[in-house]
PDB file of N, CA and C in Angstrom:
ATOM      1  N   MET A   1      96.117 103.697 109.334  1.00  0.00           N
ATOM      2  CA  MET A   1      95.836 102.379 109.866  1.00  0.00           C
ATOM      3  C   MET A   1      96.432 101.331 108.928  1.00  0.00           C
ATOM      4  N   GLU A   2      96.930 100.247 109.516  1.00  0.00           N
ATOM      5  CA  GLU A   2      97.481  99.137 108.740  1.00  0.00           C
ATOM      6  C   GLU A   2      96.658  97.873 108.972  1.00  0.00           C
ATOM      7  N   ILE A   3      96.473  97.126 107.905  1.00  0.00           N
ATOM      8  CA  ILE A   3      95.844  95.809 107.988  1.00  0.00           C
ATOM      9  C   ILE A   3      96.840  94.816 107.419  1.00  0.00           C
ATOM     10  N   TYR A   4      97.052  93.733 108.135  1.00  0.00           N
ATOM     11  CA  TYR A   4      98.044  92.732 107.761  1.00  0.00           C
ATOM     12  C   TYR A   4      97.335  91.434 107.394  1.00  0.00           C
ATOM     13  N   LEU A   5      97.557  90.935 106.172  1.00  0.00           N
ATOM     14  CA  LEU A   5      96.986  89.650 105.758  1.00  0.00           C
ATOM     15  C   LEU A   5      98.038  88.560 105.899  1.00  0.00           C
ATOM     16  N   GLU A   6      97.668  87.503 106.560  1.00  0.00           N
ATOM     17  CA  GLU A   6      98.570  86.373 106.803  1.00  0.00           C
ATOM     18  C   GLU A   6      98.816  85.573 105.522  1.00  0.00           C
ATOM     19  N   LYS A   7      99.887  84.793 105.536  1.00  0.00           N
ATOM     20  CA  LYS A   7     100.253  83.955 104.389  1.00  0.00           C
ATOM     21  C   LYS A   7      99.122  83.014 103.990  1.00  0.00           C
ATOM     22  N   SER A   8      98.481  82.409 104.976  1.00  0.00           N
ATOM     23  CA  SER A   8      97.420  81.442 104.666  1.00  0.00           C
ATOM     24  C   SER A   8      96.250  82.121 103.955  1.00  0.00           C
ATOM     25  N   ALA A   9      95.913  83.328 104.369  1.00  0.00           N
ATOM     26  CA  ALA A   9      94.821  84.057 103.724  1.00  0.00           C
ATOM     27  C   ALA A   9      95.194  84.419 102.288  1.00  0.00           C
ATOM     28  N   ILE A  10      96.428  84.826 102.092  1.00  0.00           N
ATOM     29  CA  ILE A  10      96.888  85.187 100.751  1.00  0.00           C
ATOM     30  C   ILE A  10      96.901  83.963  99.844  1.00  0.00           C
ATOM     31  N   ARG A  11      97.362  82.827 100.377  1.00  0.00           N
ATOM     32  CA  ARG A  11      97.354  81.585  99.592  1.00  0.00           C
ATOM     33  C   ARG A  11      95.931  81.211  99.189  1.00  0.00           C
ATOM     34  N   GLN A  12      94.990  81.338 100.135  1.00  0.00           N
ATOM     35  CA  GLN A  12      93.594  81.006  99.848  1.00  0.00           C
ATOM     36  C   GLN A  12      93.034  81.925  98.764  1.00  0.00           C
ATOM     37  N   ILE A  13      93.356  83.209  98.852  1.00  0.00           N
ATOM     38  CA  ILE A  13      92.885  84.150  97.838  1.00  0.00           C
ATOM     39  C   ILE A  13      93.496  83.812  96.480  1.00  0.00           C
ATOM     40  N   ARG A  14      94.781  83.496  96.450  1.00  0.00           N
ATOM     41  CA  ARG A  14      95.432  83.135  95.177  1.00  0.00           C
ATOM     42  C   ARG A  14      94.784  81.892  94.560  1.00  0.00           C
ATOM     43  N   THR A  15      94.481  80.901  95.393  1.00  0.00           N
ATOM     44  CA  THR A  15      93.806  79.693  94.911  1.00  0.00           C
ATOM     45  C   THR A  15      92.426  80.043  94.366  1.00  0.00           C
ATOM     46  N   SER A  16      91.711  80.897  95.076  1.00  0.00           N
ATOM     47  CA  SER A  16      90.386  81.323  94.630  1.00  0.00           C
ATOM     48  C   SER A  16      90.459  82.109  93.332  1.00  0.00           C
ATOM     49  N   ILE A  17      91.520  82.899  93.172  1.00  0.00           N
ATOM     50  CA  ILE A  17      91.705  83.651  91.931  1.00  0.00           C
ATOM     51  C   ILE A  17      91.862  82.681  90.765  1.00  0.00           C
ATOM     52  N   GLU A  18      92.706  81.664  90.943  1.00  0.00           N
ATOM     53  CA  GLU A  18      92.901  80.670  89.881  1.00  0.00           C
ATOM     54  C   GLU A  18      91.584  79.981  89.541  1.00  0.00           C
ATOM     55  N   ASP A  19      90.829  79.591  90.572  1.00  0.00           N
ATOM     56  CA  ASP A  19      89.537  78.936  90.349  1.00  0.00           C
ATOM     57  C   ASP A  19      88.559  79.873  89.647  1.00  0.00           C
ATOM     58  N   ALA A  20      88.536  81.132  90.062  1.00  0.00           N
ATOM     59  CA  ALA A  20      87.617  82.104  89.464  1.00  0.00           C
ATOM     60  C   ALA A  20      87.928  82.311  87.988  1.00  0.00           C
ATOM     61  N   ILE A  21      89.207  82.364  87.665  1.00  0.00           N
ATOM     62  CA  ILE A  21      89.607  82.544  86.267  1.00  0.00           C
ATOM     63  C   ILE A  21      89.200  81.329  85.438  1.00  0.00           C
ATOM     64  N   GLU A  22      89.444  80.132  85.970  1.00  0.00           N
ATOM     65  CA  GLU A  22      89.115  78.903  85.242  1.00  0.00           C
ATOM     66  C   GLU A  22      87.612  78.735  85.057  1.00  0.00           C
ATOM     67  N   GLU A  23      86.836  79.017  86.114  1.00  0.00           N
ATOM     68  CA  GLU A  23      85.399  78.749  86.103  1.00  0.00           C
ATOM     69  C   GLU A  23      84.557  79.970  85.752  1.00  0.00           C
ATOM     70  N   ASP A  24      85.199  81.146  85.633  1.00  0.00           N
ATOM     71  CA  ASP A  24      84.495  82.400  85.375  1.00  0.00           C
ATOM     72  C   ASP A  24      83.389  82.635  86.413  1.00  0.00           C
ATOM     73  N   ASP A  25      83.697  82.326  87.672  1.00  0.00           N
ATOM     74  CA  ASP A  25      82.764  82.511  88.785  1.00  0.00           C
ATOM     75  C   ASP A  25      83.516  83.212  89.911  1.00  0.00           C
ATOM     76  N   TYR A  26      83.051  84.401  90.259  1.00  0.00           N
ATOM     77  CA  TYR A  26      83.791  85.229  91.204  1.00  0.00           C
ATOM     78  C   TYR A  26      83.174  85.278  92.600  1.00  0.00           C
ATOM     79  N   GLU A  27      82.078  84.593  92.812  1.00  0.00           N
ATOM     80  CA  GLU A  27      81.414  84.649  94.118  1.00  0.00           C
ATOM     81  C   GLU A  27      82.280  84.038  95.222  1.00  0.00           C
ATOM     82  N   THR A  28      82.874  82.885  94.972  1.00  0.00           N
ATOM     83  CA  THR A  28      83.743  82.258  95.977  1.00  0.00           C
ATOM     84  C   THR A  28      84.960  83.126  96.242  1.00  0.00           C
ATOM     85  N   LEU A  29      85.502  83.730  95.195  1.00  0.00           N
ATOM     86  CA  LEU A  29      86.640  84.636  95.362  1.00  0.00           C
ATOM     87  C   LEU A  29      86.250  85.809  96.253  1.00  0.00           C
ATOM     88  N   ARG A  30      85.092  86.394  95.995  1.00  0.00           N
ATOM     89  CA  ARG A  30      84.605  87.514  96.807  1.00  0.00           C
ATOM     90  C   ARG A  30      84.492  87.095  98.274  1.00  0.00           C
ATOM     91  N   GLU A  31      83.926  85.927  98.512  1.00  0.00           N
ATOM     92  CA  GLU A  31      83.772  85.435  99.887  1.00  0.00           C
ATOM     93  C   GLU A  31      85.123  85.185 100.547  1.00  0.00           C
ATOM     94  N   ASP A  32      86.073  84.620  99.799  1.00  0.00           N
ATOM     95  CA  ASP A  32      87.399  84.348 100.362  1.00  0.00           C
ATOM     96  C   ASP A  32      88.149  85.639 100.684  1.00  0.00           C
ATOM     97  N   ILE A  33      87.988  86.652  99.841  1.00  0.00           N
ATOM     98  CA  ILE A  33      88.615  87.943 100.140  1.00  0.00           C
ATOM     99  C   ILE A  33      88.018  88.517 101.417  1.00  0.00           C
ATOM    100  N   ILE A  34      86.712  88.474 101.531  1.00  0.00           N
ATOM    101  CA  ILE A  34      86.046  89.003 102.724  1.00  0.00           C
ATOM    102  C   ILE A  34      86.485  88.242 103.965  1.00  0.00           C
ATOM    103  N   GLU A  35      86.581  86.912 103.872  1.00  0.00           N
ATOM    104  CA  GLU A  35      86.983  86.096 105.018  1.00  0.00           C
ATOM    105  C   GLU A  35      88.436  86.325 105.427  1.00  0.00           C
ATOM    106  N   ALA A  36      89.250  86.874 104.531  1.00  0.00           N
ATOM    107  CA  ALA A  36      90.656  87.134 104.844  1.00  0.00           C
ATOM    108  C   ALA A  36      90.810  88.263 105.865  1.00  0.00           C
ATOM    109  N   PHE A  37      89.779  89.077 106.012  1.00  0.00           N
ATOM    110  CA  PHE A  37      89.814  90.210 106.931  1.00  0.00           C
ATOM    111  C   PHE A  37      89.070  89.867 108.218  1.00  0.00           C
ATOM    112  N   SER A  38      89.574  90.365 109.329  1.00  0.00           N
ATOM    113  CA  SER A  38      88.903  90.145 110.613  1.00  0.00           C
ATOM    114  C   SER A  38      87.651  91.024 110.681  1.00  0.00           C
ATOM    115  N   ASP A  39      86.754  90.694 111.598  1.00  0.00           N
ATOM    116  CA  ASP A  39      85.546  91.497 111.784  1.00  0.00           C
ATOM    117  C   ASP A  39      85.896  92.937 112.140  1.00  0.00           C
ATOM    118  N   ASP A  40      86.908  93.111 112.983  1.00  0.00           N
ATOM    119  CA  ASP A  40      87.340  94.466 113.356  1.00  0.00           C
ATOM    120  C   ASP A  40      87.858  95.233 112.146  1.00  0.00           C
ATOM    121  N   ASP A  41      88.629  94.542 111.286  1.00  0.00           N
ATOM    122  CA  ASP A  41      89.139  95.185 110.072  1.00  0.00           C
ATOM    123  C   ASP A  41      87.983  95.617 109.171  1.00  0.00           C
ATOM    124  N   ILE A  42      87.016  94.739 109.004  1.00  0.00           N
ATOM    125  CA  ILE A  42      85.866  95.042 108.149  1.00  0.00           C
ATOM    126  C   ILE A  42      85.094  96.234 108.698  1.00  0.00           C
ATOM    127  N   GLU A  43      84.878  96.265 110.010  1.00  0.00           N
ATOM    128  CA  GLU A  43      84.167  97.397 110.616  1.00  0.00           C
ATOM    129  C   GLU A  43      84.907  98.705 110.372  1.00  0.00           C
ATOM    130  N   GLU A  44      86.225  98.689 110.522  1.00  0.00           N
ATOM    131  CA  GLU A  44      87.020  99.902 110.310  1.00  0.00           C
ATOM    132  C   GLU A  44      86.983 100.325 108.846  1.00  0.00           C
ATOM    133  N   ILE A  45      87.076  99.365 107.943  1.00  0.00           N
ATOM    134  CA  ILE A  45      87.008  99.683 106.515  1.00  0.00           C
ATOM    135  C   ILE A  45      85.647 100.288 106.185  1.00  0.00           C
ATOM    136  N   GLU A  46      84.581  99.691 106.701  1.00  0.00           N
ATOM    137  CA  GLU A  46      83.236 100.196 106.424  1.00  0.00           C
ATOM    138  C   GLU A  46      83.046 101.617 106.948  1.00  0.00           C
ATOM    139  N   ARG A  47      83.713 101.958 108.042  1.00  0.00           N
ATOM    140  CA  ARG A  47      83.641 103.327 108.558  1.00  0.00           C
ATOM    141  C   ARG A  47      84.331 104.315 107.619  1.00  0.00           C
ATOM    142  N   ARG A  48      85.331 103.840 106.896  1.00  0.00           N
ATOM    143  CA  ARG A  48      86.160 104.738 106.089  1.00  0.00           C
ATOM    144  C   ARG A  48      85.749 104.836 104.620  1.00  0.00           C
ATOM    145  N   ILE A  49      84.985 103.875 104.128  1.00  0.00           N
ATOM    146  CA  ILE A  49      84.623 103.897 102.703  1.00  0.00           C
ATOM    147  C   ILE A  49      83.276 104.582 102.501  1.00  0.00           C
ATOM    148  N   ASP A  50      83.090 105.132 101.302  1.00  0.00           N
ATOM    149  CA  ASP A  50      81.879 105.891 100.998  1.00  0.00           C
ATOM    150  C   ASP A  50      80.618 105.042 101.079  1.00  0.00           C
ATOM    151  N   SER A  51      80.663 103.840 100.517  1.00  0.00           N
ATOM    152  CA  SER A  51      79.459 103.003 100.483  1.00  0.00           C
ATOM    153  C   SER A  51      79.086 102.477 101.861  1.00  0.00           C
ATOM    154  N   GLY A  52      80.079 102.331 102.730  1.00  0.00           N
ATOM    155  CA  GLY A  52      79.819 101.810 104.067  1.00  0.00           C
ATOM    156  C   GLY A  52      79.554 100.316 104.098  1.00  0.00           C
ATOM    157  N   ASP A  53      79.735  99.643 102.955  1.00  0.00           N
ATOM    158  CA  ASP A  53      79.468  98.211 102.877  1.00  0.00           C
ATOM    159  C   ASP A  53      80.674  97.499 102.264  1.00  0.00           C
ATOM    160  N   PHE A  54      81.297  96.632 103.040  1.00  0.00           N
ATOM    161  CA  PHE A  54      82.509  95.948 102.602  1.00  0.00           C
ATOM    162  C   PHE A  54      82.239  95.030 101.414  1.00  0.00           C
ATOM    163  N   TYR A  55      81.090  94.363 101.403  1.00  0.00           N
ATOM    164  CA  TYR A  55      80.729  93.476 100.292  1.00  0.00           C
ATOM    165  C   TYR A  55      80.702  94.269  98.985  1.00  0.00           C
ATOM    166  N   ASP A  56      80.057  95.435  99.002  1.00  0.00           N
ATOM    167  CA  ASP A  56      80.005  96.282  97.810  1.00  0.00           C
ATOM    168  C   ASP A  56      81.395  96.785  97.427  1.00  0.00           C
ATOM    169  N   PHE A  57      82.199  97.105  98.431  1.00  0.00           N
ATOM    170  CA  PHE A  57      83.563  97.575  98.218  1.00  0.00           C
ATOM    171  C   PHE A  57      84.368  96.526  97.455  1.00  0.00           C
ATOM    172  N   ILE A  58      84.283  95.264  97.888  1.00  0.00           N
ATOM    173  CA  ILE A  58      84.988  94.172  97.215  1.00  0.00           C
ATOM    174  C   ILE A  58      84.402  93.945  95.822  1.00  0.00           C
ATOM    175  N   SER A  59      83.086  94.067  95.686  1.00  0.00           N
ATOM    176  CA  SER A  59      82.444  93.895  94.379  1.00  0.00           C
ATOM    177  C   SER A  59      82.954  94.912  93.371  1.00  0.00           C
ATOM    178  N   VAL A  60      83.122  96.158  93.793  1.00  0.00           N
ATOM    179  CA  VAL A  60      83.636  97.203  92.906  1.00  0.00           C
ATOM    180  C   VAL A  60      85.059  96.863  92.466  1.00  0.00           C
ATOM    181  N   ILE A  61      85.873  96.383  93.399  1.00  0.00           N
ATOM    182  CA  ILE A  61      87.251  96.007  93.070  1.00  0.00           C
ATOM    183  C   ILE A  61      87.256  94.864  92.055  1.00  0.00           C
ATOM    184  N   LEU A  62      86.405  93.866  92.266  1.00  0.00           N
ATOM    185  CA  LEU A  62      86.340  92.741  91.328  1.00  0.00           C
ATOM    186  C   LEU A  62      85.844  93.192  89.954  1.00  0.00           C
ATOM    187  N   ASP A  63      84.941  94.176  89.921  1.00  0.00           N
ATOM    188  CA  ASP A  63      84.472  94.714  88.640  1.00  0.00           C
ATOM    189  C   ASP A  63      85.593  95.434  87.892  1.00  0.00           C
ATOM    190  N   GLU A  64      86.478  96.103  88.627  1.00  0.00           N
ATOM    191  CA  GLU A  64      87.600  96.830  88.014  1.00  0.00           C
ATOM    192  C   GLU A  64      88.706  95.885  87.550  1.00  0.00           C
ATOM    193  N   TRP A  65      88.810  94.736  88.182  1.00  0.00           N
ATOM    194  CA  TRP A  65      89.872  93.776  87.896  1.00  0.00           C
ATOM    195  C   TRP A  65      89.679  93.160  86.516  1.00  0.00           C
ATOM    196  N   SER A  66      90.771  92.962  85.785  1.00  0.00           N
ATOM    197  CA  SER A  66      90.704  92.393  84.436  1.00  0.00           C
ATOM    198  C   SER A  66      90.333  90.913  84.449  1.00  0.00           C
ATOM    199  N   GLY A  67      90.509  90.255  85.591  1.00  0.00           N
ATOM    200  CA  GLY A  67      90.190  88.834  85.687  1.00  0.00           C
ATOM    201  C   GLY A  67      91.285  87.937  85.172  1.00  0.00           C
ATOM    202  N   GLU A  68      92.496  88.489  85.044  1.00  0.00           N
ATOM    203  CA  GLU A  68      93.579  87.711  84.456  1.00  0.00           C
ATOM    204  C   GLU A  68      94.785  87.529  85.359  1.00  0.00           C
ATOM    205  N   ASP A  69      95.039  88.472  86.249  1.00  0.00           N
ATOM    206  CA  ASP A  69      96.301  88.482  86.979  1.00  0.00           C
ATOM    207  C   ASP A  69      96.061  88.664  88.473  1.00  0.00           C
ATOM    208  N   ALA A  70      96.581  87.741  89.274  1.00  0.00           N
ATOM    209  CA  ALA A  70      96.409  87.810  90.724  1.00  0.00           C
ATOM    210  C   ALA A  70      97.063  89.059  91.299  1.00  0.00           C
ATOM    211  N   GLN A  71      98.252  89.378  90.817  1.00  0.00           N
ATOM    212  CA  GLN A  71      98.968  90.545  91.340  1.00  0.00           C
ATOM    213  C   GLN A  71      98.171  91.824  91.101  1.00  0.00           C
ATOM    214  N   GLU A  72      97.522  91.905  89.952  1.00  0.00           N
ATOM    215  CA  GLU A  72      96.703  93.078  89.640  1.00  0.00           C
ATOM    216  C   GLU A  72      95.571  93.227  90.653  1.00  0.00           C
ATOM    217  N   LEU A  73      94.950  92.116  91.025  1.00  0.00           N
ATOM    218  CA  LEU A  73      93.860  92.171  91.996  1.00  0.00           C
ATOM    219  C   LEU A  73      94.363  92.652  93.354  1.00  0.00           C
ATOM    220  N   PHE A  74      95.508  92.142  93.793  1.00  0.00           N
ATOM    221  CA  PHE A  74      96.075  92.598  95.062  1.00  0.00           C
ATOM    222  C   PHE A  74      96.421  94.088  94.995  1.00  0.00           C
ATOM    223  N   GLU A  75      96.930  94.539  93.858  1.00  0.00           N
ATOM    224  CA  GLU A  75      97.262  95.957  93.700  1.00  0.00           C
ATOM    225  C   GLU A  75      96.012  96.824  93.749  1.00  0.00           C
ATOM    226  N   LEU A  76      94.928  96.377  93.109  1.00  0.00           N
ATOM    227  CA  LEU A  76      93.666  97.114  93.172  1.00  0.00           C
ATOM    228  C   LEU A  76      93.145  97.190  94.601  1.00  0.00           C
ATOM    229  N   LEU A  77      93.237  96.079  95.304  1.00  0.00           N
ATOM    230  CA  LEU A  77      92.793  96.041  96.695  1.00  0.00           C
ATOM    231  C   LEU A  77      93.612  97.016  97.540  1.00  0.00           C
ATOM    232  N   GLU A  78      94.925  96.983  97.366  1.00  0.00           N
ATOM    233  CA  GLU A  78      95.803  97.903  98.099  1.00  0.00           C
ATOM    234  C   GLU A  78      95.484  99.354  97.759  1.00  0.00           C
ATOM    235  N   GLN A  79      95.258  99.626  96.477  1.00  0.00           N
ATOM    236  CA  GLN A  79      94.980 100.988  96.029  1.00  0.00           C
ATOM    237  C   GLN A  79      93.669 101.506  96.621  1.00  0.00           C
ATOM    238  N   GLN A  80      92.621 100.700  96.546  1.00  0.00           N
ATOM    239  CA  GLN A  80      91.323 101.134  97.060  1.00  0.00           C
ATOM    240  C   GLN A  80      91.357 101.345  98.574  1.00  0.00           C
ATOM    241  N   LEU A  81      92.051 100.456  99.274  1.00  0.00           N
ATOM    242  CA  LEU A  81      92.170 100.626 100.722  1.00  0.00           C
ATOM    243  C   LEU A  81      93.010 101.857 101.044  1.00  0.00           C
ATOM    244  N   SER A  82      94.032 102.101 100.254  1.00  0.00           N
ATOM    245  CA  SER A  82      94.883 103.275 100.456  1.00  0.00           C
ATOM    246  C   SER A  82      94.064 104.559 100.334  1.00  0.00           C
ATOM    247  N   GLU A  83      93.158 104.587  99.375  1.00  0.00           N
ATOM    248  CA  GLU A  83      92.291 105.754  99.204  1.00  0.00           C
ATOM    249  C   GLU A  83      91.394 105.971 100.419  1.00  0.00           C
ATOM    250  N   ALA A  84      91.157 104.901 101.180  1.00  0.00           N
ATOM    251  CA  ALA A  84      90.358 105.000 102.405  1.00  0.00           C
ATOM    252  C   ALA A  84      91.244 105.225 103.631  1.00  0.00           C
ATOM    253  N   GLY A  85      92.546 105.428 103.401  1.00  0.00           N
ATOM    254  CA  GLY A  85      93.462 105.691 104.510  1.00  0.00           C
ATOM    255  C   GLY A  85      93.938 104.444 105.230  1.00  0.00           C
ATOM    256  N   ILE A  86      93.904 103.310 104.529  1.00  0.00           N
ATOM    257  CA  ILE A  86      94.309 102.036 105.122  1.00  0.00           C
ATOM    258  C   ILE A  86      95.446 101.451 104.295  1.00  0.00           C
ATOM    259  N   GLU A  87      96.525 101.082 104.981  1.00  0.00           N
ATOM    260  CA  GLU A  87      97.659 100.457 104.302  1.00  0.00           C
ATOM    261  C   GLU A  87      97.550  98.945 104.469  1.00  0.00           C
ATOM    262  N   LEU A  88      97.489  98.243 103.341  1.00  0.00           N
ATOM    263  CA  LEU A  88      97.388  96.788 103.360  1.00  0.00           C
ATOM    264  C   LEU A  88      98.778  96.187 103.285  1.00  0.00           C
ATOM    265  N   LYS A  89      99.102  95.347 104.257  1.00  0.00           N
ATOM    266  CA  LYS A  89     100.391  94.656 104.299  1.00  0.00           C
ATOM    267  C   LYS A  89     100.141  93.191 103.977  1.00  0.00           C
ATOM    268  N   LEU A  90     100.872  92.671 103.000  1.00  0.00           N
ATOM    269  CA  LEU A  90     100.723  91.277 102.602  1.00  0.00           C
ATOM    270  C   LEU A  90     101.931  90.489 103.067  1.00  0.00           C
ATOM    271  N   ALA A  91     101.688  89.398 103.772  1.00  0.00           N
ATOM    272  CA  ALA A  91     102.777  88.497 104.155  1.00  0.00           C
ATOM    273  C   ALA A  91     103.211  87.761 102.904  1.00  0.00           C
ATOM    274  N   LEU A  92     104.511  87.669 102.682  1.00  0.00           N
ATOM    275  CA  LEU A  92     105.021  86.971 101.505  1.00  0.00           C
ATOM    276  C   LEU A  92     105.045  85.476 101.748  1.00  0.00           C
ATOM    277  N   ASP A  93     104.716  84.711 100.699  1.00  0.00           N
ATOM    278  CA  ASP A  93     104.885  83.262 100.769  1.00  0.00           C
ATOM    279  C   ASP A  93     106.371  82.964 100.843  1.00  0.00           C
ATOM    280  N   ASP A  94     106.721  81.785 101.339  1.00  0.00           N
ATOM    281  CA  ASP A  94     108.123  81.394 101.427  1.00  0.00           C
ATOM    282  C   ASP A  94     108.796  81.446 100.061  1.00  0.00           C
ATOM    283  N   ASP A  95     108.078  81.024  99.000  1.00  0.00           N
ATOM    284  CA  ASP A  95     108.636  81.052  97.650  1.00  0.00           C
ATOM    285  C   ASP A  95     108.947  82.487  97.230  1.00  0.00           C
ATOM    286  N   GLU A  96     108.036  83.415  97.553  1.00  0.00           N
ATOM    287  CA  GLU A  96     108.253  84.811  97.194  1.00  0.00           C
ATOM    288  C   GLU A  96     109.418  85.391  97.977  1.00  0.00           C
ATOM    289  N   GLU A  97     109.546  85.013  99.256  1.00  0.00           N
ATOM    290  CA  GLU A  97     110.660  85.494 100.066  1.00  0.00           C
ATOM    291  C   GLU A  97     111.979  84.995  99.490  1.00  0.00           C
ATOM    292  N   GLU A  98     112.025  83.712  99.090  1.00  0.00           N
ATOM    293  CA  GLU A  98     113.238  83.154  98.499  1.00  0.00           C
ATOM    294  C   GLU A  98     113.565  83.863  97.194  1.00  0.00           C
ATOM    295  N   GLU A  99     112.536  84.153  96.396  1.00  0.00           N
ATOM    296  CA  GLU A  99     112.742  84.836  95.126  1.00  0.00           C
ATOM    297  C   GLU A  99     113.317  86.233  95.361  1.00  0.00           C
ATOM    298  N   GLU A 100     112.801  86.950  96.357  1.00  0.00           N
ATOM    299  CA  GLU A 100     113.330  88.275  96.675  1.00  0.00           C
ATOM    300  C   GLU A 100     114.767  88.183  97.151  1.00  0.00           C
ATOM    301  N   ASP A 101     115.078  87.165  97.958  1.00  0.00           N
ATOM    302  CA  ASP A 101     116.450  86.976  98.419  1.00  0.00           C
ATOM    303  C   ASP A 101     117.381  86.731  97.235  1.00  0.00           C
ATOM    304  N   GLU A 102     116.922  85.921  96.267  1.00  0.00           N
ATOM    305  CA  GLU A 102     117.732  85.642  95.085  1.00  0.00           C
ATOM    306  C   GLU A 102     117.971  86.917  94.285  1.00  0.00           C
ATOM    307  N   ILE A 103     116.951  87.744  94.165  1.00  0.00           N
ATOM    308  CA  ILE A 103     117.101  89.010  93.452  1.00  0.00           C
ATOM    309  C   ILE A 103     118.125  89.882  94.167  1.00  0.00           C
ATOM    310  N   ASP A 104     118.035  89.961  95.495  1.00  0.00           N
ATOM    311  CA  ASP A 104     118.999  90.734  96.274  1.00  0.00           C
ATOM    312  C   ASP A 104     120.406  90.192  96.083  1.00  0.00           C
ATOM    313  N   ASP A 105     120.557  88.861  96.091  1.00  0.00           N
ATOM    314  CA  ASP A 105     121.869  88.250  95.890  1.00  0.00           C
ATOM    315  C   ASP A 105     122.418  88.582  94.505  1.00  0.00           C
ATOM    316  N   ASP A 106     121.540  88.527  93.496  1.00  0.00           N
ATOM    317  CA  ASP A 106     121.963  88.852  92.136  1.00  0.00           C
ATOM    318  C   ASP A 106     122.437  90.298  92.050  1.00  0.00           C
ATOM    319  N   GLU A 107     121.716  91.200  92.703  1.00  0.00           N
ATOM    320  CA  GLU A 107     122.113  92.604  92.692  1.00  0.00           C
ATOM    321  C   GLU A 107     123.456  92.781  93.385  1.00  0.00           C
ATOM    322  N   ASP A 108     123.674  92.050  94.474  1.00  0.00           N
ATOM    323  CA  ASP A 108     124.948  92.131  95.177  1.00  0.00           C
ATOM    324  C   ASP A 108     126.089  91.661  94.281  1.00  0.00           C
ATOM    325  N   GLU A 109     125.843  90.582  93.520  1.00  0.00           N
ATOM    326  CA  GLU A 109     126.877  90.057  92.631  1.00  0.00           C
ATOM    327  C   GLU A 109     127.198  91.048  91.519  1.00  0.00           C
ATOM    328  N   GLU A 110     126.163  91.739  91.011  1.00  0.00           N
ATOM    329  CA  GLU A 110     126.383  92.718  89.957  1.00  0.00           C
ATOM    330  C   GLU A 110     127.227  93.884  90.457  1.00  0.00           C
ATOM    331  N   LEU A 111     127.170  94.175  91.720  1.00  0.00           N
ATOM    332  CA  LEU A 111     127.902  95.286  92.308  1.00  0.00           C
ATOM    333  C   LEU A 111     129.184  94.826  92.976  1.00  0.00           C
ATOM    334  N   ASP A 112     129.757  93.758  92.467  1.00  0.00           N
ATOM    335  CA  ASP A 112     130.961  93.186  93.056  1.00  0.00           C
ATOM    336  C   ASP A 112     132.156  94.080  92.741  1.00  0.00           C
ATOM    337  N   PHE A 113     132.627  94.762  93.761  1.00  0.00           N
ATOM    338  CA  PHE A 113     133.772  95.654  93.614  1.00  0.00           C
ATOM    339  C   PHE A 113     135.022  94.939  94.094  1.00  0.00           C
ATOM    340  N   ASP A 114     136.082  95.113  93.351  1.00  0.00           N
ATOM    341  CA  ASP A 114     137.355  94.521  93.734  1.00  0.00           C
ATOM    342  C   ASP A 114     138.279  95.666  94.129  1.00  0.00           C
ATOM    343  N   ASP A 115     138.444  95.865  95.431  1.00  0.00           N
ATOM    344  CA  ASP A 115     139.221  96.985  95.947  1.00  0.00           C
ATOM    345  C   ASP A 115     140.721  96.752  95.865  1.00  0.00           C
ATOM    346  N   ASP A 116     141.144  95.530  95.586  1.00  0.00           N
ATOM    347  CA  ASP A 116     142.567  95.215  95.585  1.00  0.00           C
ATOM    348  C   ASP A 116     143.280  95.719  94.334  1.00  0.00           C
ATOM    349  N   GLU A 117     142.576  95.790  93.223  1.00  0.00           N
ATOM    350  CA  GLU A 117     143.215  96.175  91.977  1.00  0.00           C
ATOM    351  C   GLU A 117     142.742  97.563  91.567  1.00  0.00           C
ATOM    352  N   PRO A 118     143.665  98.413  91.129  1.00  0.00           N
ATOM    353  CA  PRO A 118     143.249  99.746  90.670  1.00  0.00           C
ATOM    354  C   PRO A 118     142.486  99.628  89.353  1.00  0.00           C
ATOM    355  N   GLU A 119     141.562 100.514  89.176  1.00  0.00           N
ATOM    356  CA  GLU A 119     140.742 100.500  87.971  1.00  0.00           C
ATOM    357  C   GLU A 119     141.500 101.165  86.835  1.00  0.00           C
ATOM    358  N   GLU A 120     141.490 100.514  85.675  1.00  0.00           N
ATOM    359  CA  GLU A 120     142.156 101.079  84.509  1.00  0.00           C
ATOM    360  C   GLU A 120     141.195 101.984  83.780  1.00  0.00           C
ATOM    361  N   LEU A 121     141.719 103.098  83.296  1.00  0.00           N
ATOM    362  CA  LEU A 121     140.874 104.051  82.566  1.00  0.00           C
ATOM    363  C   LEU A 121     141.119 104.013  81.107  1.00  0.00           C
TER     364      LEU A 121
END
């Protein structure tokens, strides 16, 4: 099963992560993560996880998280859902998409082959 999180939900979670780190308060972050999932998604997750409770599931993930890096939290979330047989798909922000495009362009430039001239050995 796949669950897809929209850009707006990811942005909200990232904002909540920043706030949680600054204020050392994770309750709003927990609520925002839960709100990012549809009721149907939550029901399916609860059927697949051992505890059967999505709130507890998110709490365990937040307990495992170092509290320092947003990417780490998303990776933990993906990992825990993967263990339950659920693939989490994250929509990339426009900035992240542009950054990936730039990386691809850089890789293309590094592999610039000039077929017109023979290679000297």
